[in-house]
Structures are given as structure tokens and as C-alpha cells.
Amino acid sequence: MRKSPAHLVLVETTPTAGFKIVAEARALGHDVTFVAHSLDPYLAAEGGEEALRTPARLLTGVPTTDPGCLLDVIGALHRKHPVHGLLALSEGHLPATAEVAEALGLPFESAAVMRRLRDKHAVRELLAAAGVPQPAFRRAVTPEEAVAAAAELGYPVVVKPADGFGSLHVGVANDAAEVAELAAAVAGARSYGRGVAGSGVALLEAYVPGPVVSCEMVTVDGTSTPYGCVDRVPAPAPHPVELGGCFPAELADDVREAVVRVVTGALAAAGVRRAHTHTEVVLGPDGPQIIEINGRLIGGYVPTMINYVLGRNIYHDVIELALGGSPSPSPAHGAGCIRAITAPAPGVLAGIDAEAARGAPGTAEVMLHARPGQPVRPARDNFDRLGFLITTAGTAAGARKAAEEAHALVRVRVEDGPEGAA
């Protein structure tokens, strides 16, 4: 791995949490260029202007999902300021970034694997061929096909885009009418923003009852090693938005070992050889089953929560991997919890009072990224979350209790007005 100061290029990210990796890279002495389709999504978030000042360079107006155009831009940059590593934390931009890495001979997961992970149906077929436990599934391109597929699977069923992310257009359906409505939304979702196109193809999965956890891994030369599992606090049905979680999840040793074993098999079946991955798993009646694999570090402010528990910075591992190194997870000390701050009703955000929560016992950090005046609604997808709070304690139970108590102190004021965008 390169030890001297390096030039890293970050292709898109998440507002505003995604710029934490830029700050960490610069603190390590590295130079960072940020490449984006548009700065508008980042400027829309509270703190966006400050976050955009952290990279040394900003390259905008770039079609960041088009491998050829992205290579032209980064290739020209590479000739002026040699690039030593690429970073991508945004699901829809991983395949194009991987193609650029291959063209420039930079460390990264292969473009073939990153394209594969963007097609949830293709991954399902690979897992099925490898005998990895997962829900029964079907593919549908029209609402009519989705209704027929649901009848084959049996109710309830999960309906999601085959190439989606951020819990957009994901729901649990209990009858044909609900399936048709969700599938129609998927069919109409032809853009996810920032240049990411949608195929309109729906993936239907048998609903498996049980708690959901994610397994955070790093894979180097095909060997996958876990950081640990994060449990999940879901929003009420029918929109399974993640509203929080604790790390490490409170799991019996045999359950945790089973999760790691199933996830390791899934990553191998998908061909993952060099990446941080975030894999969601349902702890069903018959054991752990794979929900989906994401070829990136877990998103939002969850890495910040994990950092408090590890006593080190997981973003440093992402940077090390991007520069050709072989990072290794370290053990957790204590536990952390994160909770999303959301709107209690649709309308216009008037303000968020989190001062009492900041001073509550166990609170490590409170981050607000929603601006007063923006349309809001109760959470239907990840983009409806207005901020987060993180708590820590010696045990998961203690961190969870602190998170619940601090969350109860947050006051979100919403005025009458238009509901947030659907």
C-alpha cells in the first residue's frame, strides 16, 4: 500500500455524511478530488456548503454513471494530478467507478462484480445456484406480471426495484391491489437522481418474518472478514425504512456465526474479491437468509457510530483498501446505537430542537441535515430522514436505552404545507 500522501478521487457520495471520508483522507495527508453530476443534492442538505469545502477540487457536470465520460474526466485529471485511488460510497455509481479503476489500473472491485451487485435479480440467481439461503423470488416488468408472481410466491410479498437503493419504492404487499400499486411505482421509477437511471424492473420476494440485521465485511483477495453485525429498527409497515440500529447487534454466538457463514457464502457466490460490503440478512424461522448485498460501506452516519465502538476510524480502512492495502477489522469495545430523526406528519419543516438530546446521558453526537422550509413527511424511504443521533454505552441494552431516551427529547416542528415528494 502507498504510504506517502496520495491523490484520491471520490465519485459522488451521500449528503452530508459522505464527506466525512474526505475529511479523514485529508487528515491523513491525502489530496481529494470530488466528482459529481451536480452539486445541487449536496447543497440542499444542511451543512452542504461547508462539506463541499473539504475536497481540494470539485469537478461537476460530469455524467458519473457513464463509464466513458467518467473515464474521460478522471483520465484527464490523472494526467495532470496522478490518481492513486478511487472512492465510491454511492450504490448507483459503483459500476462506472469500477470501470474507470480498471482502465487506469487502480485497486478496486471488478466492474463485472459491481454491475452484478446492481442487479438484485442476477444476484438472487447466483445465490440460488450456490445454495445460499434466501427468500423465494420472481422478476416482473409489468404490474400484471408482478401480481401473477405474487400469487405464485404467496402473500405477503416484498416488492422492490431490481436495481434500487435507499429503500426507494420498497414495500410489503398483502394483496394483489397492493402489489400492483408498488409494481407500478417501480415501473415508473426511471431515475434515482444524480444521473442514476432505473430499469423499471421489479423484484418480488417471499416475505420472511424475523428481525433484520446487516453484516459489515471487508473482502481482500477473496477472503471476507466481518467487522460485526448491526441490528435494525424498521419503520412501521408497509415501508421498511431503517430508522436506527445498534452495533454490535445483540446476537447469540451461534446466530452471529450463522450470519457470518451465510454472508461469506453469499459474497463468494457473487464473486466479491476486494470491497467493503453491507449485506442485509433476515433472521427467519429456518435461520439467516440473504435480503441483499451492497458493494460498499454501510451508509449514512452508521460508520460514525461504528467508529465510536471500534475506537478507530473505519473510513481509514476504506481509504487503505482504495490505495491497495489490506485493512483488517478490530474488536468492538462497548456498543453504540443510532436513531433517525423523522417528521411526525407531512408538511413543511419549521425546525428541529435537539438541544436536550445533545445533553442527554450517553449521547455522543447529534447530526441534523434537513433545512427549515423543506417539504417533509413520515419516513417512506431513506431520504425522508432529517437527521440522526448516536449514543454509546458499555452494552447494547444501555446504548439502546440512551438512544430511546435522547430520541424522545427531540422536537420536530412541522407546519401545514405540501407533503414531501413521493
Protein backbone atom coordinates (compact mmCIF):
# COMPACT_ATOMS: atom_id res chain seq x y z
CA MET A 1 0.00 0.00 0.00
CA ARG A 2 1.14 3.55 -0.71
CA LYS A 3 2.41 5.18 2.49
CA SER A 4 3.17 8.67 1.16
CA PRO A 5 0.47 11.31 0.53
CA ALA A 6 -1.86 10.17 -2.25
CA HIS A 7 -4.43 11.65 -4.59
CA LEU A 8 -7.88 10.09 -4.10
CA VAL A 9 -10.95 10.70 -6.25
CA LEU A 10 -14.40 10.37 -4.66
CA VAL A 11 -17.16 9.74 -7.22
CA GLU A 12 -20.42 11.05 -5.74
CA THR A 13 -21.33 10.33 -2.11
CA THR A 14 -24.18 10.86 0.34
CA PRO A 15 -25.11 14.30 1.67
CA THR A 16 -23.68 15.29 4.21
CA ALA A 17 -22.29 12.21 5.97
CA GLY A 18 -20.47 11.03 2.86
CA PHE A 19 -17.97 13.88 3.12
CA LYS A 20 -16.63 12.52 6.40
CA ILE A 21 -14.35 10.25 4.37
CA VAL A 22 -12.94 13.33 2.62
CA ALA A 23 -12.13 14.96 5.94
CA GLU A 24 -10.47 11.76 7.14
CA ALA A 25 -8.42 11.41 3.95
CA ARG A 26 -7.22 14.99 4.26
CA ALA A 27 -6.38 14.45 7.92
CA LEU A 28 -4.16 11.56 6.79
CA GLY A 29 -2.39 13.95 4.44
CA HIS A 30 -4.06 12.89 1.21
CA ASP A 31 -5.38 15.09 -1.61
CA VAL A 32 -9.03 14.54 -2.58
CA THR A 33 -10.96 15.44 -5.72
CA PHE A 34 -14.75 15.17 -5.65
CA VAL A 35 -16.56 14.35 -8.91
CA ALA A 36 -20.32 14.89 -9.17
CA HIS A 37 -23.12 15.02 -11.68
CA SER A 38 -24.46 18.10 -9.86
CA LEU A 39 -23.80 19.81 -6.56
CA ASP A 40 -27.50 20.56 -6.02
CA PRO A 41 -28.26 17.43 -3.91
CA TYR A 42 -25.35 18.25 -1.62
CA LEU A 43 -26.16 21.94 -1.30
CA ALA A 44 -29.76 21.07 -0.41
CA ALA A 45 -28.63 19.48 2.85
CA GLU A 46 -27.88 21.47 5.97
CA GLY A 47 -24.11 21.87 6.15
CA GLY A 48 -23.71 21.16 2.45
CA GLU A 49 -21.72 24.30 1.68
CA GLU A 50 -19.23 23.50 4.43
CA ALA A 51 -18.95 19.86 3.35
CA LEU A 52 -18.18 20.85 -0.23
CA ARG A 53 -15.23 22.89 1.00
CA THR A 54 -13.44 19.77 2.28
CA PRO A 55 -12.26 18.35 -1.09
CA ALA A 56 -9.29 20.09 -2.71
CA ARG A 57 -11.06 20.04 -6.10
CA LEU A 58 -14.64 19.87 -7.32
CA LEU A 59 -15.42 18.55 -10.80
CA THR A 60 -19.12 18.98 -11.61
CA GLY A 61 -21.40 18.49 -14.60
CA VAL A 62 -19.91 15.01 -15.02
CA PRO A 63 -22.12 12.08 -16.14
CA THR A 64 -20.95 9.95 -13.21
CA THR A 65 -22.85 6.82 -14.25
CA ASP A 66 -21.42 6.86 -17.79
CA PRO A 67 -18.12 4.93 -17.69
CA GLY A 68 -16.77 6.52 -20.87
CA CYS A 69 -17.49 10.09 -19.83
CA LEU A 70 -16.28 9.46 -16.29
CA LEU A 71 -13.04 7.98 -17.64
CA ASP A 72 -12.52 11.00 -19.89
CA VAL A 73 -12.78 13.35 -16.92
CA ILE A 74 -10.77 11.31 -14.42
CA GLY A 75 -8.27 10.33 -17.09
CA ALA A 76 -7.61 13.99 -17.89
CA LEU A 77 -7.28 14.70 -14.18
CA HIS A 78 -4.92 11.72 -13.83
CA ARG A 79 -2.59 13.15 -16.47
CA LYS A 80 -2.30 16.45 -14.56
CA HIS A 81 -2.51 15.13 -11.00
CA PRO A 82 -1.80 11.37 -10.88
CA VAL A 83 -4.64 9.49 -9.17
CA HIS A 84 -3.70 6.73 -6.74
CA GLY A 85 -7.12 5.51 -5.64
CA LEU A 86 -10.86 5.81 -6.27
CA LEU A 87 -13.61 6.00 -3.65
CA ALA A 88 -17.32 5.41 -4.20
CA LEU A 89 -19.92 5.21 -1.42
CA SER A 90 -22.97 5.67 -3.65
CA GLU A 91 -24.65 2.48 -4.88
CA GLY A 92 -25.60 3.71 -8.33
CA HIS A 93 -22.10 4.94 -9.16
CA LEU A 94 -20.10 1.86 -8.26
CA PRO A 95 -20.11 0.16 -11.69
CA ALA A 96 -18.86 3.20 -13.61
CA THR A 97 -16.22 3.90 -10.95
CA ALA A 98 -15.05 0.30 -11.15
CA GLU A 99 -14.67 0.57 -14.93
CA VAL A 100 -12.54 3.69 -14.53
CA ALA A 101 -10.38 1.90 -11.96
CA GLU A 102 -9.83 -0.99 -14.37
CA ALA A 103 -8.91 1.37 -17.19
CA LEU A 104 -6.41 3.25 -15.02
CA GLY A 105 -5.03 0.15 -13.28
CA LEU A 106 -6.18 1.27 -9.83
CA PRO A 107 -7.20 -1.00 -6.92
CA PHE A 108 -10.98 -1.64 -6.86
CA GLU A 109 -13.53 -4.42 -7.07
CA SER A 110 -14.03 -5.58 -10.65
CA ALA A 111 -16.54 -3.78 -12.84
CA ALA A 112 -18.24 -7.12 -13.60
CA VAL A 113 -18.94 -7.71 -9.91
CA MET A 114 -20.13 -4.16 -9.32
CA ARG A 115 -22.52 -4.39 -12.28
CA ARG A 116 -23.75 -7.73 -10.95
CA LEU A 117 -24.47 -6.32 -7.50
CA ARG A 118 -26.60 -3.57 -9.04
CA ASP A 119 -28.91 -6.28 -10.47
CA LYS A 120 -30.62 -7.83 -7.46
CA HIS A 121 -32.31 -10.48 -9.61
CA ALA A 122 -28.97 -11.60 -11.07
CA VAL A 123 -27.57 -11.87 -7.54
CA ARG A 124 -30.62 -13.90 -6.47
CA GLU A 125 -29.96 -16.37 -9.31
CA LEU A 126 -26.29 -16.72 -8.34
CA LEU A 127 -27.18 -17.31 -4.69
CA ALA A 128 -29.77 -19.89 -5.70
CA ALA A 129 -27.22 -21.74 -7.83
CA ALA A 130 -24.78 -21.75 -4.90
CA GLY A 131 -27.39 -22.93 -2.40
CA VAL A 132 -27.17 -19.79 -0.25
CA PRO A 133 -30.28 -19.39 1.96
CA GLN A 134 -32.58 -16.65 0.67
CA PRO A 135 -36.30 -15.95 0.14
CA ALA A 136 -38.11 -17.33 -2.90
CA PHE A 137 -38.19 -14.68 -5.64
CA ARG A 138 -39.60 -13.68 -9.00
CA ARG A 139 -38.87 -10.96 -11.57
CA ALA A 140 -41.60 -8.77 -13.14
CA VAL A 141 -41.56 -5.99 -15.70
CA THR A 142 -45.26 -5.04 -15.51
CA PRO A 143 -47.77 -4.76 -12.66
CA GLU A 144 -49.67 -7.69 -14.21
CA GLU A 145 -46.57 -9.89 -14.12
CA ALA A 146 -45.96 -8.78 -10.54
CA VAL A 147 -49.47 -9.80 -9.48
CA ALA A 148 -49.01 -13.21 -11.11
CA ALA A 149 -45.61 -13.64 -9.45
CA ALA A 150 -47.05 -12.72 -6.06
CA ALA A 151 -49.75 -15.36 -6.47
CA GLU A 152 -47.01 -17.95 -7.07
CA LEU A 153 -44.99 -16.82 -4.06
CA GLY A 154 -47.92 -16.39 -1.69
CA TYR A 155 -48.71 -13.37 0.49
CA PRO A 156 -47.29 -11.28 1.98
CA VAL A 157 -44.58 -10.39 -0.54
CA VAL A 158 -41.86 -7.76 -0.69
CA VAL A 159 -41.84 -5.63 -3.84
CA LYS A 160 -38.72 -3.65 -4.72
CA PRO A 161 -36.84 -2.29 -7.75
CA ALA A 162 -34.33 -4.81 -9.09
CA ASP A 163 -31.77 -2.00 -9.26
CA GLY A 164 -32.91 0.24 -6.41
CA PHE A 165 -31.27 1.59 -3.29
CA GLY A 166 -32.10 3.73 -0.27
CA SER A 167 -35.36 1.81 0.32
CA LEU A 168 -36.92 3.73 -2.58
CA HIS A 169 -40.18 2.16 -3.81
CA VAL A 170 -39.80 -0.83 -1.45
CA GLY A 171 -42.89 -2.16 0.29
CA VAL A 172 -44.64 -5.19 1.71
CA ALA A 173 -47.85 -6.14 -0.09
CA ASN A 174 -50.67 -8.22 1.35
CA ASP A 175 -52.91 -8.49 -1.70
CA ALA A 176 -52.97 -8.08 -5.48
CA ALA A 177 -54.00 -4.42 -5.36
CA GLU A 178 -51.05 -3.52 -3.16
CA VAL A 179 -48.67 -5.48 -5.40
CA ALA A 180 -49.97 -3.69 -8.49
CA GLU A 181 -49.57 -0.29 -6.84
CA LEU A 182 -46.00 -0.97 -5.69
CA ALA A 183 -45.02 -2.55 -9.03
CA ALA A 184 -46.43 0.44 -10.91
CA ALA A 185 -44.29 2.75 -8.77
CA VAL A 186 -41.24 0.63 -9.59
CA ALA A 187 -42.08 0.67 -13.30
CA GLY A 188 -42.30 4.46 -13.19
CA ALA A 189 -39.03 4.89 -11.30
CA ARG A 190 -36.73 5.58 -14.23
CA SER A 191 -34.43 7.99 -12.39
CA TYR A 192 -32.93 7.89 -8.90
CA GLY A 193 -31.24 11.27 -9.25
CA ARG A 194 -27.58 12.18 -9.78
CA GLY A 195 -27.72 10.55 -13.21
CA VAL A 196 -28.70 7.08 -11.92
CA ALA A 197 -31.28 5.54 -14.24
CA GLY A 198 -33.84 2.95 -13.16
CA SER A 199 -34.74 -0.10 -15.26
CA GLY A 200 -38.34 -0.24 -14.05
CA VAL A 201 -37.94 -3.96 -13.33
CA ALA A 202 -39.48 -5.23 -10.09
CA LEU A 203 -38.15 -7.98 -7.87
CA LEU A 204 -40.71 -9.83 -5.75
CA GLU A 205 -39.61 -11.83 -2.74
CA ALA A 206 -41.45 -14.05 -0.30
CA TYR A 207 -41.77 -12.19 2.99
CA VAL A 208 -39.70 -13.89 5.68
CA PRO A 209 -40.73 -12.96 9.25
CA GLY A 210 -37.97 -12.16 11.68
CA PRO A 211 -35.57 -9.43 12.78
CA VAL A 212 -33.23 -7.91 10.20
CA VAL A 213 -29.53 -7.33 10.75
CA SER A 214 -26.73 -6.26 8.47
CA CYS A 215 -23.30 -7.85 8.36
CA GLU A 216 -20.43 -5.45 7.66
CA MET A 217 -17.48 -7.09 5.94
CA VAL A 218 -14.23 -6.28 4.21
CA THR A 219 -13.02 -8.63 1.50
CA VAL A 220 -9.37 -8.71 0.41
CA ASP A 221 -8.15 -11.19 -2.21
CA GLY A 222 -11.43 -13.08 -1.88
CA THR A 223 -11.19 -13.54 1.89
CA SER A 224 -14.06 -11.87 3.78
CA THR A 225 -13.68 -10.74 7.39
CA PRO A 226 -16.52 -9.29 9.49
CA TYR A 227 -16.47 -6.08 11.49
CA GLY A 228 -19.70 -7.23 13.08
CA CYS A 229 -23.45 -7.00 12.72
CA VAL A 230 -25.80 -4.03 13.05
CA ASP A 231 -29.37 -4.66 14.15
CA ARG A 232 -32.21 -2.69 12.67
CA VAL A 233 -35.15 -0.61 13.85
CA PRO A 234 -37.64 -0.62 10.94
CA ALA A 235 -40.37 1.89 10.25
CA PRO A 236 -43.94 0.60 10.52
CA ALA A 237 -45.25 -1.35 7.51
CA PRO A 238 -45.65 -1.07 4.62
CA HIS A 239 -42.43 0.94 4.13
CA PRO A 240 -39.45 -0.90 5.70
CA VAL A 241 -37.24 2.17 6.15
CA GLU A 242 -34.29 1.76 8.51
CA LEU A 243 -34.79 4.11 11.47
CA GLY A 244 -31.82 3.02 13.52
CA GLY A 245 -29.74 0.19 14.88
CA CYS A 246 -27.06 -0.86 17.34
CA PHE A 247 -23.52 -2.11 16.81
CA PRO A 248 -22.59 -4.77 17.59
CA ALA A 249 -26.03 -6.38 17.42
CA GLU A 250 -27.08 -8.43 20.42
CA LEU A 251 -26.93 -11.91 18.90
CA ALA A 252 -26.27 -15.29 20.44
CA ASP A 253 -22.88 -16.66 19.42
CA ASP A 254 -24.38 -19.39 17.25
CA VAL A 255 -26.68 -16.93 15.48
CA ARG A 256 -23.84 -14.49 14.80
CA GLU A 257 -21.67 -17.31 13.48
CA ALA A 258 -24.50 -18.47 11.23
CA VAL A 259 -24.96 -14.94 9.85
CA VAL A 260 -21.26 -14.60 9.09
CA ARG A 261 -21.21 -18.03 7.46
CA VAL A 262 -24.21 -17.29 5.22
CA VAL A 263 -22.91 -13.83 4.26
CA THR A 264 -19.43 -15.17 3.50
CA GLY A 265 -21.00 -17.75 1.19
CA ALA A 266 -23.14 -15.09 -0.48
CA LEU A 267 -20.15 -12.83 -1.16
CA ALA A 268 -18.23 -15.74 -2.63
CA ALA A 269 -21.18 -16.70 -4.84
CA ALA A 270 -21.43 -13.10 -6.09
CA GLY A 271 -17.71 -13.10 -6.90
CA VAL A 272 -16.69 -10.34 -4.47
CA ARG A 273 -12.92 -10.18 -4.07
CA ARG A 274 -11.98 -6.65 -3.00
CA ALA A 275 -14.57 -4.43 -1.35
CA HIS A 276 -16.28 -3.29 1.78
CA THR A 277 -19.78 -4.77 1.74
CA HIS A 278 -23.02 -4.15 3.58
CA THR A 279 -25.23 -7.24 3.46
CA GLU A 280 -28.74 -7.32 4.91
CA VAL A 281 -29.97 -10.56 6.44
CA VAL A 282 -33.30 -11.64 7.90
CA LEU A 283 -33.17 -13.99 10.89
CA GLY A 284 -36.02 -16.19 9.74
CA PRO A 285 -37.60 -19.27 11.36
CA ASP A 286 -35.23 -21.51 9.36
CA GLY A 287 -32.12 -19.45 10.02
CA PRO A 288 -30.42 -16.43 8.36
CA GLN A 289 -31.45 -15.60 4.79
CA ILE A 290 -29.89 -13.00 2.49
CA ILE A 291 -32.00 -9.94 1.74
CA GLU A 292 -29.45 -8.12 -0.43
CA ILE A 293 -25.76 -7.39 -0.91
CA ASN A 294 -24.43 -3.84 -1.30
CA GLY A 295 -20.90 -3.46 -2.64
CA ARG A 296 -19.97 -0.56 -0.40
CA LEU A 297 -19.52 0.56 3.19
CA ILE A 298 -22.74 0.87 5.18
CA GLY A 299 -24.24 4.29 4.54
CA GLY A 300 -25.19 7.49 6.28
CA TYR A 301 -23.87 8.13 9.78
CA VAL A 302 -23.69 4.46 10.75
CA PRO A 303 -19.91 4.38 10.15
CA THR A 304 -19.62 7.21 12.68
CA MET A 305 -21.47 5.09 15.23
CA ILE A 306 -19.20 2.14 14.45
CA ASN A 307 -16.14 4.35 14.91
CA TYR A 308 -17.16 5.16 18.48
CA VAL A 309 -17.33 1.45 19.26
CA LEU A 310 -14.17 0.39 17.46
CA GLY A 311 -12.17 3.24 18.90
CA ARG A 312 -10.72 3.82 15.45
CA ASN A 313 -11.94 5.07 12.09
CA ILE A 314 -13.48 2.65 9.60
CA TYR A 315 -13.09 5.26 6.86
CA HIS A 316 -9.32 4.78 7.22
CA ASP A 317 -9.88 1.16 6.19
CA VAL A 318 -11.83 2.25 3.11
CA ILE A 319 -9.00 4.61 2.18
CA GLU A 320 -6.40 1.91 2.80
CA LEU A 321 -8.31 -0.54 0.57
CA ALA A 322 -8.58 2.10 -2.18
CA LEU A 323 -4.82 2.57 -2.09
CA GLY A 324 -4.07 -1.13 -2.46
CA GLY A 325 -3.77 -2.07 1.21
CA SER A 326 -5.25 -4.92 3.21
CA PRO A 327 -7.23 -3.49 6.14
CA SER A 328 -8.23 -5.79 8.99
CA PRO A 329 -11.19 -5.27 11.36
CA SER A 330 -10.56 -4.73 15.05
CA PRO A 331 -12.72 -5.84 18.01
CA ALA A 332 -15.55 -3.72 19.38
CA HIS A 333 -15.43 -2.11 22.82
CA GLY A 334 -18.86 -1.41 24.25
CA ALA A 335 -21.80 -0.65 21.98
CA GLY A 336 -23.38 2.18 20.04
CA CYS A 337 -26.87 2.98 18.77
CA ILE A 338 -28.11 5.33 16.09
CA ARG A 339 -31.64 6.70 15.68
CA ALA A 340 -33.11 8.59 12.77
CA ILE A 341 -35.00 11.84 13.33
CA THR A 342 -38.14 11.97 11.18
CA ALA A 343 -41.20 14.13 10.65
CA PRO A 344 -44.29 13.21 12.69
CA ALA A 345 -46.63 14.40 9.92
CA PRO A 346 -46.47 15.67 6.31
CA GLY A 347 -45.98 19.38 5.75
CA VAL A 348 -43.17 21.93 5.80
CA LEU A 349 -40.32 21.66 8.28
CA ALA A 350 -40.40 24.61 10.69
CA GLY A 351 -37.45 23.49 12.79
CA ILE A 352 -35.81 20.79 14.89
CA ASP A 353 -34.94 21.31 18.55
CA ALA A 354 -32.32 18.74 19.55
CA GLU A 355 -30.51 20.60 22.32
CA ALA A 356 -31.98 18.50 25.11
CA ALA A 357 -31.00 15.35 23.24
CA ARG A 358 -27.44 16.61 22.81
CA GLY A 359 -27.09 16.89 26.57
CA ALA A 360 -28.76 13.60 27.41
CA PRO A 361 -26.73 10.86 29.14
CA GLY A 362 -24.92 8.65 26.64
CA THR A 363 -25.36 10.95 23.65
CA ALA A 364 -22.17 11.04 21.59
CA GLU A 365 -23.34 13.10 18.62
CA VAL A 366 -26.42 14.66 17.01
CA MET A 367 -26.39 15.44 13.27
CA LEU A 368 -29.15 17.42 11.53
CA HIS A 369 -29.15 17.74 7.76
CA ALA A 370 -32.68 18.93 6.95
CA ARG A 371 -33.31 22.61 6.25
CA PRO A 372 -36.32 24.53 7.62
CA GLY A 373 -38.77 25.25 4.82
CA GLN A 374 -38.34 21.95 3.00
CA PRO A 375 -41.29 19.59 2.46
CA VAL A 376 -41.25 16.61 4.81
CA ARG A 377 -43.31 13.52 5.57
CA PRO A 378 -43.17 10.48 7.85
CA ALA A 379 -40.45 8.15 6.58
CA ARG A 380 -41.26 6.20 3.44
CA ASP A 381 -37.67 5.88 2.23
CA ASN A 382 -34.19 6.73 3.50
CA PHE A 383 -34.32 10.24 2.05
CA ASP A 384 -37.11 11.18 4.47
CA ARG A 385 -34.75 11.00 7.45
CA LEU A 386 -34.00 14.50 8.78
CA GLY A 387 -31.01 13.75 10.99
CA PHE A 388 -29.57 11.24 13.43
CA LEU A 389 -28.38 10.87 16.99
CA ILE A 390 -25.75 8.46 18.25
CA THR A 391 -25.44 7.08 21.78
CA THR A 392 -22.82 4.84 23.38
CA ALA A 393 -22.67 2.62 26.46
CA GLY A 394 -20.92 -0.44 27.79
CA THR A 395 -23.67 -2.72 26.47
CA ALA A 396 -26.13 -2.70 23.58
CA ALA A 397 -29.01 -2.56 26.06
CA GLY A 398 -27.52 0.55 27.67
CA ALA A 399 -26.85 2.25 24.34
CA ARG A 400 -30.38 1.40 23.15
CA LYS A 401 -31.96 2.82 26.30
CA ALA A 402 -29.92 6.02 25.97
CA ALA A 403 -30.93 6.32 22.30
CA GLU A 404 -34.64 5.91 23.09
CA GLU A 405 -34.47 8.49 25.86
CA ALA A 406 -32.50 11.01 23.79
CA HIS A 407 -34.76 10.49 20.78
CA ALA A 408 -37.82 11.24 22.92
CA LEU A 409 -36.32 14.66 23.71
CA VAL A 410 -36.08 15.76 20.04
CA ARG A 411 -38.85 18.10 18.90
CA VAL A 412 -39.59 18.26 15.16
CA ARG A 413 -41.92 21.12 14.25
CA VAL A 414 -43.94 20.74 11.06
CA GLU A 415 -46.31 23.32 9.60
CA ASP A 416 -49.14 22.71 7.17
CA GLY A 417 -48.00 22.59 3.59
CA PRO A 418 -47.23 20.24 0.71
CA GLU A 419 -46.18 16.71 1.56
CA GLY A 420 -42.63 15.63 0.74
CA ALA A 421 -42.04 14.33 -2.74
CA ALA A 422 -43.28 10.79 -3.26
